[in-house]
Amino acid sequence: MTTTTLTRVELTDAIVREVGLTRQESSYLLDRMLEMISESLEGEGAVKLSRFGNFNVRRKAAREGRNPKTGIQATISARKVVTFKPSPMLKDRVGG
């Protein structure tokens, strides 16, 4: 894995190499894991992955914004966003 963007195909290939599952099994495993994370976040749950980080859903209130191109004010509707907080171990690995 030498590219700067890690894709689903590259993750599947890594599972094939590291774990020894077939490509189909590896793809299913990765898809199912991502689906479980998504389902938890849809239900406004949290996902905590030890030594990696936490995913949470946060509510953002409606607010006034401005179109940077035209300068016209517009209302930005309330919404939910996914946030990620890396673990101290991940921060150390990335921050060097």
PDB file of N, CA and C in Angstrom:
ATOM      1  N   MET A   1       0.838  -1.176   0.000  1.00  0.00           N
ATOM      2  CA  MET A   1       0.000   0.000   0.000  1.00  0.00           C
ATOM      3  C   MET A   1       0.886   1.243   0.000  1.00  0.00           C
ATOM      4  N   THR A   2       1.181   1.720  -1.170  1.00  0.00           N
ATOM      5  CA  THR A   2       2.084   2.856  -1.277  1.00  0.00           C
ATOM      6  C   THR A   2       1.402   4.129  -1.760  1.00  0.00           C
ATOM      7  N   THR A   3       0.132   4.062  -2.124  1.00  0.00           N
ATOM      8  CA  THR A   3      -0.552   5.245  -2.615  1.00  0.00           C
ATOM      9  C   THR A   3      -0.965   6.141  -1.452  1.00  0.00           C
ATOM     10  N   THR A   4      -1.259   7.394  -1.761  1.00  0.00           N
ATOM     11  CA  THR A   4      -1.679   8.311  -0.702  1.00  0.00           C
ATOM     12  C   THR A   4      -3.155   8.156  -0.376  1.00  0.00           C
ATOM     13  N   THR A   5      -3.927   7.586  -1.282  1.00  0.00           N
ATOM     14  CA  THR A   5      -5.335   7.321  -1.023  1.00  0.00           C
ATOM     15  C   THR A   5      -5.546   5.818  -0.999  1.00  0.00           C
ATOM     16  N   LEU A   6      -6.033   5.331   0.129  1.00  0.00           N
ATOM     17  CA  LEU A   6      -6.278   3.902   0.291  1.00  0.00           C
ATOM     18  C   LEU A   6      -7.715   3.611  -0.136  1.00  0.00           C
ATOM     19  N   THR A   7      -7.884   2.728  -1.105  1.00  0.00           N
ATOM     20  CA  THR A   7      -9.213   2.430  -1.633  1.00  0.00           C
ATOM     21  C   THR A   7      -9.765   1.136  -1.040  1.00  0.00           C
ATOM     22  N   ARG A   8     -11.047   0.915  -1.281  1.00  0.00           N
ATOM     23  CA  ARG A   8     -11.702  -0.307  -0.827  1.00  0.00           C
ATOM     24  C   ARG A   8     -11.037  -1.534  -1.454  1.00  0.00           C
ATOM     25  N   VAL A   9     -10.672  -1.450  -2.728  1.00  0.00           N
ATOM     26  CA  VAL A   9     -10.016  -2.569  -3.415  1.00  0.00           C
ATOM     27  C   VAL A   9      -8.671  -2.874  -2.753  1.00  0.00           C
ATOM     28  N   GLU A  10      -7.917  -1.834  -2.405  1.00  0.00           N
ATOM     29  CA  GLU A  10      -6.619  -2.048  -1.752  1.00  0.00           C
ATOM     30  C   GLU A  10      -6.793  -2.659  -0.368  1.00  0.00           C
ATOM     31  N   LEU A  11      -7.815  -2.235   0.359  1.00  0.00           N
ATOM     32  CA  LEU A  11      -8.089  -2.847   1.656  1.00  0.00           C
ATOM     33  C   LEU A  11      -8.462  -4.316   1.500  1.00  0.00           C
ATOM     34  N   THR A  12      -9.289  -4.617   0.504  1.00  0.00           N
ATOM     35  CA  THR A  12      -9.668  -6.006   0.245  1.00  0.00           C
ATOM     36  C   THR A  12      -8.435  -6.840  -0.098  1.00  0.00           C
ATOM     37  N   ASP A  13      -7.562  -6.307  -0.954  1.00  0.00           N
ATOM     38  CA  ASP A  13      -6.334  -7.018  -1.310  1.00  0.00           C
ATOM     39  C   ASP A  13      -5.454  -7.255  -0.086  1.00  0.00           C
ATOM     40  N   ALA A  14      -5.392  -6.290   0.809  1.00  0.00           N
ATOM     41  CA  ALA A  14      -4.584  -6.438   2.024  1.00  0.00           C
ATOM     42  C   ALA A  14      -5.147  -7.542   2.912  1.00  0.00           C
ATOM     43  N   ILE A  15      -6.468  -7.636   3.005  1.00  0.00           N
ATOM     44  CA  ILE A  15      -7.081  -8.703   3.794  1.00  0.00           C
ATOM     45  C   ILE A  15      -6.760 -10.057   3.173  1.00  0.00           C
ATOM     46  N   VAL A  16      -6.810 -10.135   1.847  1.00  0.00           N
ATOM     47  CA  VAL A  16      -6.467 -11.379   1.151  1.00  0.00           C
ATOM     48  C   VAL A  16      -5.035 -11.792   1.503  1.00  0.00           C
ATOM     49  N   ARG A  17      -4.109 -10.838   1.417  1.00  0.00           N
ATOM     50  CA  ARG A  17      -2.690 -11.136   1.692  1.00  0.00           C
ATOM     51  C   ARG A  17      -2.431 -11.465   3.161  1.00  0.00           C
ATOM     52  N   GLU A  18      -2.969 -10.653   4.055  1.00  0.00           N
ATOM     53  CA  GLU A  18      -2.641 -10.768   5.473  1.00  0.00           C
ATOM     54  C   GLU A  18      -3.387 -11.886   6.187  1.00  0.00           C
ATOM     55  N   VAL A  19      -4.650 -12.090   5.828  1.00  0.00           N
ATOM     56  CA  VAL A  19      -5.480 -13.050   6.547  1.00  0.00           C
ATOM     57  C   VAL A  19      -5.599 -14.367   5.799  1.00  0.00           C
ATOM     58  N   GLY A  20      -5.523 -14.299   4.480  1.00  0.00           N
ATOM     59  CA  GLY A  20      -5.607 -15.515   3.692  1.00  0.00           C
ATOM     60  C   GLY A  20      -7.006 -15.889   3.260  1.00  0.00           C
ATOM     61  N   LEU A  21      -7.952 -14.976   3.409  1.00  0.00           N
ATOM     62  CA  LEU A  21      -9.301 -15.242   2.915  1.00  0.00           C
ATOM     63  C   LEU A  21      -9.323 -15.096   1.399  1.00  0.00           C
ATOM     64  N   THR A  22     -10.368 -15.601   0.788  1.00  0.00           N
ATOM     65  CA  THR A  22     -10.520 -15.402  -0.656  1.00  0.00           C
ATOM     66  C   THR A  22     -10.891 -13.942  -0.908  1.00  0.00           C
ATOM     67  N   ARG A  23     -10.786 -13.510  -2.158  1.00  0.00           N
ATOM     68  CA  ARG A  23     -11.143 -12.136  -2.506  1.00  0.00           C
ATOM     69  C   ARG A  23     -12.626 -11.879  -2.183  1.00  0.00           C
ATOM     70  N   GLN A  24     -13.473 -12.843  -2.483  1.00  0.00           N
ATOM     71  CA  GLN A  24     -14.905 -12.685  -2.222  1.00  0.00           C
ATOM     72  C   GLN A  24     -15.178 -12.577  -0.721  1.00  0.00           C
ATOM     73  N   GLU A  25     -14.551 -13.427   0.075  1.00  0.00           N
ATOM     74  CA  GLU A  25     -14.726 -13.377   1.526  1.00  0.00           C
ATOM     75  C   GLU A  25     -14.195 -12.069   2.097  1.00  0.00           C
ATOM     76  N   SER A  26     -13.056 -11.635   1.597  1.00  0.00           N
ATOM     77  CA  SER A  26     -12.446 -10.391   2.067  1.00  0.00           C
ATOM     78  C   SER A  26     -13.327  -9.192   1.742  1.00  0.00           C
ATOM     79  N   SER A  27     -13.866  -9.174   0.542  1.00  0.00           N
ATOM     80  CA  SER A  27     -14.742  -8.091   0.132  1.00  0.00           C
ATOM     81  C   SER A  27     -16.000  -8.075   0.991  1.00  0.00           C
ATOM     82  N   TYR A  28     -16.575  -9.244   1.245  1.00  0.00           N
ATOM     83  CA  TYR A  28     -17.763  -9.335   2.088  1.00  0.00           C
ATOM     84  C   TYR A  28     -17.455  -8.855   3.506  1.00  0.00           C
ATOM     85  N   LEU A  29     -16.320  -9.278   4.058  1.00  0.00           N
ATOM     86  CA  LEU A  29     -15.924  -8.887   5.407  1.00  0.00           C
ATOM     87  C   LEU A  29     -15.797  -7.367   5.511  1.00  0.00           C
ATOM     88  N   LEU A  30     -15.122  -6.758   4.576  1.00  0.00           N
ATOM     89  CA  LEU A  30     -14.937  -5.307   4.590  1.00  0.00           C
ATOM     90  C   LEU A  30     -16.275  -4.596   4.416  1.00  0.00           C
ATOM     91  N   ASP A  31     -17.081  -5.028   3.460  1.00  0.00           N
ATOM     92  CA  ASP A  31     -18.391  -4.401   3.235  1.00  0.00           C
ATOM     93  C   ASP A  31     -19.271  -4.512   4.471  1.00  0.00           C
ATOM     94  N   ARG A  32     -19.273  -5.668   5.094  1.00  0.00           N
ATOM     95  CA  ARG A  32     -20.109  -5.884   6.284  1.00  0.00           C
ATOM     96  C   ARG A  32     -19.640  -5.015   7.447  1.00  0.00           C
ATOM     97  N   MET A  33     -18.330  -4.908   7.626  1.00  0.00           N
ATOM     98  CA  MET A  33     -17.795  -4.083   8.699  1.00  0.00           C
ATOM     99  C   MET A  33     -18.188  -2.614   8.503  1.00  0.00           C
ATOM    100  N   LEU A  34     -18.048  -2.113   7.278  1.00  0.00           N
ATOM    101  CA  LEU A  34     -18.424  -0.728   6.991  1.00  0.00           C
ATOM    102  C   LEU A  34     -19.930  -0.519   7.147  1.00  0.00           C
ATOM    103  N   GLU A  35     -20.710  -1.519   6.773  1.00  0.00           N
ATOM    104  CA  GLU A  35     -22.160  -1.436   6.930  1.00  0.00           C
ATOM    105  C   GLU A  35     -22.539  -1.381   8.406  1.00  0.00           C
ATOM    106  N   MET A  36     -21.884  -2.166   9.242  1.00  0.00           N
ATOM    107  CA  MET A  36     -22.174  -2.157  10.672  1.00  0.00           C
ATOM    108  C   MET A  36     -21.828  -0.804  11.296  1.00  0.00           C
ATOM    109  N   ILE A  37     -20.718  -0.219  10.890  1.00  0.00           N
ATOM    110  CA  ILE A  37     -20.340   1.107  11.369  1.00  0.00           C
ATOM    111  C   ILE A  37     -21.385   2.127  10.937  1.00  0.00           C
ATOM    112  N   SER A  38     -21.797   2.068   9.677  1.00  0.00           N
ATOM    113  CA  SER A  38     -22.793   3.005   9.155  1.00  0.00           C
ATOM    114  C   SER A  38     -24.125   2.860   9.891  1.00  0.00           C
ATOM    115  N   GLU A  39     -24.551   1.636  10.126  1.00  0.00           N
ATOM    116  CA  GLU A  39     -25.814   1.398  10.824  1.00  0.00           C
ATOM    117  C   GLU A  39     -25.783   1.960  12.237  1.00  0.00           C
ATOM    118  N   SER A  40     -24.668   1.794  12.910  1.00  0.00           N
ATOM    119  CA  SER A  40     -24.544   2.331  14.262  1.00  0.00           C
ATOM    120  C   SER A  40     -24.627   3.851  14.255  1.00  0.00           C
ATOM    121  N   LEU A  41     -23.956   4.477  13.304  1.00  0.00           N
ATOM    122  CA  LEU A  41     -23.974   5.940  13.221  1.00  0.00           C
ATOM    123  C   LEU A  41     -25.341   6.465  12.790  1.00  0.00           C
ATOM    124  N   GLU A  42     -26.042   5.735  11.918  1.00  0.00           N
ATOM    125  CA  GLU A  42     -27.392   6.129  11.517  1.00  0.00           C
ATOM    126  C   GLU A  42     -28.318   6.170  12.726  1.00  0.00           C
ATOM    127  N   GLY A  43     -28.146   5.230  13.636  1.00  0.00           N
ATOM    128  CA  GLY A  43     -28.944   5.192  14.851  1.00  0.00           C
ATOM    129  C   GLY A  43     -28.416   6.131  15.917  1.00  0.00           C
ATOM    130  N   GLU A  44     -27.518   7.013  15.541  1.00  0.00           N
ATOM    131  CA  GLU A  44     -26.883   7.996  16.413  1.00  0.00           C
ATOM    132  C   GLU A  44     -26.085   7.351  17.535  1.00  0.00           C
ATOM    133  N   GLY A  45     -25.580   6.160  17.282  1.00  0.00           N
ATOM    134  CA  GLY A  45     -24.692   5.515  18.225  1.00  0.00           C
ATOM    135  C   GLY A  45     -23.264   5.975  17.983  1.00  0.00           C
ATOM    136  N   ALA A  46     -22.367   5.500  18.800  1.00  0.00           N
ATOM    137  CA  ALA A  46     -20.953   5.810  18.647  1.00  0.00           C
ATOM    138  C   ALA A  46     -20.217   4.539  18.246  1.00  0.00           C
ATOM    139  N   VAL A  47     -19.112   4.695  17.543  1.00  0.00           N
ATOM    140  CA  VAL A  47     -18.264   3.566  17.167  1.00  0.00           C
ATOM    141  C   VAL A  47     -16.895   3.821  17.772  1.00  0.00           C
ATOM    142  N   LYS A  48     -16.453   2.915  18.631  1.00  0.00           N
ATOM    143  CA  LYS A  48     -15.168   3.058  19.306  1.00  0.00           C
ATOM    144  C   LYS A  48     -14.267   1.911  18.886  1.00  0.00           C
ATOM    145  N   LEU A  49     -13.187   2.239  18.211  1.00  0.00           N
ATOM    146  CA  LEU A  49     -12.228   1.246  17.756  1.00  0.00           C
ATOM    147  C   LEU A  49     -10.922   1.455  18.517  1.00  0.00           C
ATOM    148  N   SER A  50     -10.612   0.538  19.416  1.00  0.00           N
ATOM    149  CA  SER A  50      -9.410   0.660  20.233  1.00  0.00           C
ATOM    150  C   SER A  50      -8.180   0.857  19.366  1.00  0.00           C
ATOM    151  N   ARG A  51      -7.307   1.710  19.808  1.00  0.00           N
ATOM    152  CA  ARG A  51      -6.035   2.024  19.148  1.00  0.00           C
ATOM    153  C   ARG A  51      -6.221   2.699  17.797  1.00  0.00           C
ATOM    154  N   PHE A  52      -7.459   3.065  17.438  1.00  0.00           N
ATOM    155  CA  PHE A  52      -7.702   3.777  16.180  1.00  0.00           C
ATOM    156  C   PHE A  52      -8.414   5.095  16.440  1.00  0.00           C
ATOM    157  N   GLY A  53      -9.629   5.051  17.009  1.00  0.00           N
ATOM    158  CA  GLY A  53     -10.351   6.280  17.309  1.00  0.00           C
ATOM    159  C   GLY A  53     -11.834   6.055  17.461  1.00  0.00           C
ATOM    160  N   ASN A  54     -12.552   7.156  17.637  1.00  0.00           N
ATOM    161  CA  ASN A  54     -13.992   7.118  17.860  1.00  0.00           C
ATOM    162  C   ASN A  54     -14.726   7.912  16.794  1.00  0.00           C
ATOM    163  N   PHE A  55     -15.817   7.334  16.304  1.00  0.00           N
ATOM    164  CA  PHE A  55     -16.727   8.022  15.395  1.00  0.00           C
ATOM    165  C   PHE A  55     -17.983   8.361  16.190  1.00  0.00           C
ATOM    166  N   ASN A  56     -18.459   9.589  16.073  1.00  0.00           N
ATOM    167  CA  ASN A  56     -19.675  10.019  16.751  1.00  0.00           C
ATOM    168  C   ASN A  56     -20.531  10.819  15.794  1.00  0.00           C
ATOM    169  N   VAL A  57     -21.814  10.925  16.134  1.00  0.00           N
ATOM    170  CA  VAL A  57     -22.736  11.768  15.378  1.00  0.00           C
ATOM    171  C   VAL A  57     -22.981  13.013  16.217  1.00  0.00           C
ATOM    172  N   ARG A  58     -22.859  14.169  15.580  1.00  0.00           N
ATOM    173  CA  ARG A  58     -23.070  15.433  16.265  1.00  0.00           C
ATOM    174  C   ARG A  58     -24.134  16.220  15.518  1.00  0.00           C
ATOM    175  N   ARG A  59     -25.021  16.853  16.265  1.00  0.00           N
ATOM    176  CA  ARG A  59     -26.056  17.693  15.663  1.00  0.00           C
ATOM    177  C   ARG A  59     -25.518  19.106  15.514  1.00  0.00           C
ATOM    178  N   LYS A  60     -25.758  19.693  14.339  1.00  0.00           N
ATOM    179  CA  LYS A  60     -25.390  21.083  14.101  1.00  0.00           C
ATOM    180  C   LYS A  60     -26.680  21.877  13.925  1.00  0.00           C
ATOM    181  N   ALA A  61     -26.777  22.979  14.625  1.00  0.00           N
ATOM    182  CA  ALA A  61     -27.973  23.818  14.564  1.00  0.00           C
ATOM    183  C   ALA A  61     -28.002  24.586  13.242  1.00  0.00           C
ATOM    184  N   ALA A  62     -29.199  25.029  12.879  1.00  0.00           N
ATOM    185  CA  ALA A  62     -29.340  25.880  11.692  1.00  0.00           C
ATOM    186  C   ALA A  62     -28.607  27.197  11.961  1.00  0.00           C
ATOM    187  N   ARG A  63     -28.071  27.787  10.908  1.00  0.00           N
ATOM    188  CA  ARG A  63     -27.341  29.045  11.069  1.00  0.00           C
ATOM    189  C   ARG A  63     -27.365  29.820   9.772  1.00  0.00           C
ATOM    190  N   GLU A  64     -27.001  31.070   9.880  1.00  0.00           N
ATOM    191  CA  GLU A  64     -26.900  31.915   8.696  1.00  0.00           C
ATOM    192  C   GLU A  64     -25.500  31.773   8.111  1.00  0.00           C
ATOM    193  N   GLY A  65     -25.445  31.622   6.818  1.00  0.00           N
ATOM    194  CA  GLY A  65     -24.170  31.532   6.123  1.00  0.00           C
ATOM    195  C   GLY A  65     -24.145  32.522   4.978  1.00  0.00           C
ATOM    196  N   ARG A  66     -23.063  32.525   4.257  1.00  0.00           N
ATOM    197  CA  ARG A  66     -22.930  33.447   3.143  1.00  0.00           C
ATOM    198  C   ARG A  66     -22.288  32.709   1.977  1.00  0.00           C
ATOM    199  N   ASN A  67     -22.855  32.873   0.792  1.00  0.00           N
ATOM    200  CA  ASN A  67     -22.273  32.293  -0.406  1.00  0.00           C
ATOM    201  C   ASN A  67     -20.992  33.068  -0.691  1.00  0.00           C
ATOM    202  N   PRO A  68     -19.838  32.402  -0.652  1.00  0.00           N
ATOM    203  CA  PRO A  68     -18.577  33.129  -0.841  1.00  0.00           C
ATOM    204  C   PRO A  68     -18.422  33.728  -2.242  1.00  0.00           C
ATOM    205  N   LYS A  69     -19.101  33.153  -3.192  1.00  0.00           N
ATOM    206  CA  LYS A  69     -18.982  33.647  -4.568  1.00  0.00           C
ATOM    207  C   LYS A  69     -19.809  34.912  -4.798  1.00  0.00           C
ATOM    208  N   THR A  70     -21.050  34.898  -4.282  1.00  0.00           N
ATOM    209  CA  THR A  70     -21.950  36.029  -4.534  1.00  0.00           C
ATOM    210  C   THR A  70     -22.106  36.954  -3.341  1.00  0.00           C
ATOM    211  N   GLY A  71     -21.787  36.482  -2.140  1.00  0.00           N
ATOM    212  CA  GLY A  71     -21.955  37.284  -0.935  1.00  0.00           C
ATOM    213  C   GLY A  71     -23.371  37.298  -0.409  1.00  0.00           C
ATOM    214  N   ILE A  72     -24.287  36.588  -1.049  1.00  0.00           N
ATOM    215  CA  ILE A  72     -25.684  36.554  -0.630  1.00  0.00           C
ATOM    216  C   ILE A  72     -25.818  35.657   0.603  1.00  0.00           C
ATOM    217  N   GLN A  73     -26.569  36.148   1.610  1.00  0.00           N
ATOM    218  CA  GLN A  73     -26.799  35.353   2.808  1.00  0.00           C
ATOM    219  C   GLN A  73     -27.785  34.228   2.514  1.00  0.00           C
ATOM    220  N   ALA A  74     -27.562  33.116   3.187  1.00  0.00           N
ATOM    221  CA  ALA A  74     -28.442  31.964   3.028  1.00  0.00           C
ATOM    222  C   ALA A  74     -28.506  31.225   4.360  1.00  0.00           C
ATOM    223  N   THR A  75     -29.627  30.573   4.606  1.00  0.00           N
ATOM    224  CA  THR A  75     -29.771  29.776   5.817  1.00  0.00           C
ATOM    225  C   THR A  75     -29.212  28.383   5.560  1.00  0.00           C
ATOM    226  N   ILE A  76     -28.352  27.958   6.450  1.00  0.00           N
ATOM    227  CA  ILE A  76     -27.820  26.599   6.393  1.00  0.00           C
ATOM    228  C   ILE A  76     -28.657  25.774   7.362  1.00  0.00           C
ATOM    229  N   SER A  77     -29.317  24.761   6.859  1.00  0.00           N
ATOM    230  CA  SER A  77     -30.266  23.995   7.676  1.00  0.00           C
ATOM    231  C   SER A  77     -29.552  23.165   8.739  1.00  0.00           C
ATOM    232  N   ALA A  78     -30.312  22.816   9.775  1.00  0.00           N
ATOM    233  CA  ALA A  78     -29.794  21.940  10.824  1.00  0.00           C
ATOM    234  C   ALA A  78     -29.494  20.580  10.211  1.00  0.00           C
ATOM    235  N   ARG A  79     -28.482  19.927  10.730  1.00  0.00           N
ATOM    236  CA  ARG A  79     -28.108  18.627  10.183  1.00  0.00           C
ATOM    237  C   ARG A  79     -27.283  17.854  11.200  1.00  0.00           C
ATOM    238  N   LYS A  80     -27.058  16.610  10.880  1.00  0.00           N
ATOM    239  CA  LYS A  80     -26.187  15.769  11.695  1.00  0.00           C
ATOM    240  C   LYS A  80     -24.924  15.499  10.892  1.00  0.00           C
ATOM    241  N   VAL A  81     -23.780  15.504  11.576  1.00  0.00           N
ATOM    242  CA  VAL A  81     -22.503  15.237  10.920  1.00  0.00           C
ATOM    243  C   VAL A  81     -21.764  14.155  11.698  1.00  0.00           C
ATOM    244  N   VAL A  82     -20.932  13.414  11.001  1.00  0.00           N
ATOM    245  CA  VAL A  82     -20.093  12.395  11.632  1.00  0.00           C
ATOM    246  C   VAL A  82     -18.763  13.038  11.982  1.00  0.00           C
ATOM    247  N   THR A  83     -18.338  12.846  13.227  1.00  0.00           N
ATOM    248  CA  THR A  83     -17.043  13.352  13.654  1.00  0.00           C
ATOM    249  C   THR A  83     -16.134  12.174  13.983  1.00  0.00           C
ATOM    250  N   PHE A  84     -14.841  12.411  13.904  1.00  0.00           N
ATOM    251  CA  PHE A  84     -13.856  11.381  14.218  1.00  0.00           C
ATOM    252  C   PHE A  84     -12.824  11.974  15.156  1.00  0.00           C
ATOM    253  N   LYS A  85     -12.541  11.258  16.233  1.00  0.00           N
ATOM    254  CA  LYS A  85     -11.497  11.666  17.164  1.00  0.00           C
ATOM    255  C   LYS A  85     -10.468  10.541  17.211  1.00  0.00           C
ATOM    256  N   PRO A  86      -9.267  10.801  16.719  1.00  0.00           N
ATOM    257  CA  PRO A  86      -8.259   9.740  16.703  1.00  0.00           C
ATOM    258  C   PRO A  86      -7.776   9.385  18.112  1.00  0.00           C
ATOM    259  N   SER A  87      -7.358   8.147  18.265  1.00  0.00           N
ATOM    260  CA  SER A  87      -6.816   7.695  19.545  1.00  0.00           C
ATOM    261  C   SER A  87      -5.424   8.303  19.737  1.00  0.00           C
ATOM    262  N   PRO A  88      -4.935   8.334  20.969  1.00  0.00           N
ATOM    263  CA  PRO A  88      -3.574   8.827  21.187  1.00  0.00           C
ATOM    264  C   PRO A  88      -2.528   8.033  20.394  1.00  0.00           C
ATOM    265  N   MET A  89      -2.757   6.713  20.254  1.00  0.00           N
ATOM    266  CA  MET A  89      -1.815   5.883  19.506  1.00  0.00           C
ATOM    267  C   MET A  89      -1.779   6.302  18.028  1.00  0.00           C
ATOM    268  N   LEU A  90      -2.943   6.551  17.437  1.00  0.00           N
ATOM    269  CA  LEU A  90      -2.993   6.986  16.043  1.00  0.00           C
ATOM    270  C   LEU A  90      -2.370   8.358  15.893  1.00  0.00           C
ATOM    271  N   LYS A  91      -2.634   9.259  16.834  1.00  0.00           N
ATOM    272  CA  LYS A  91      -2.026  10.594  16.789  1.00  0.00           C
ATOM    273  C   LYS A  91      -0.499  10.493  16.795  1.00  0.00           C
ATOM    274  N   ASP A  92       0.022   9.612  17.637  1.00  0.00           N
ATOM    275  CA  ASP A  92       1.473   9.436  17.711  1.00  0.00           C
ATOM    276  C   ASP A  92       2.035   8.890  16.397  1.00  0.00           C
ATOM    277  N   ARG A  93       1.348   7.923  15.807  1.00  0.00           N
ATOM    278  CA  ARG A  93       1.828   7.332  14.541  1.00  0.00           C
ATOM    279  C   ARG A  93       1.819   8.335  13.412  1.00  0.00           C
ATOM    280  N   VAL A  94       0.752   9.134  13.334  1.00  0.00           N
ATOM    281  CA  VAL A  94       0.621  10.102  12.248  1.00  0.00           C
ATOM    282  C   VAL A  94       1.524  11.303  12.492  1.00  0.00           C
ATOM    283  N   GLY A  95       1.564  11.764  13.735  1.00  0.00           N
ATOM    284  CA  GLY A  95       2.328  12.955  14.059  1.00  0.00           C
ATOM    285  C   GLY A  95       3.822  12.739  14.112  1.00  0.00           C
ATOM    286  N   GLY A  96       4.221  11.474  14.178  1.00  0.00           N
ATOM    287  CA  GLY A  96       5.629  11.129  14.137  1.00  0.00           C
ATOM    288  C   GLY A  96       6.398  11.550  15.329  1.00  0.00           C
TER     289      GLY A  96
END
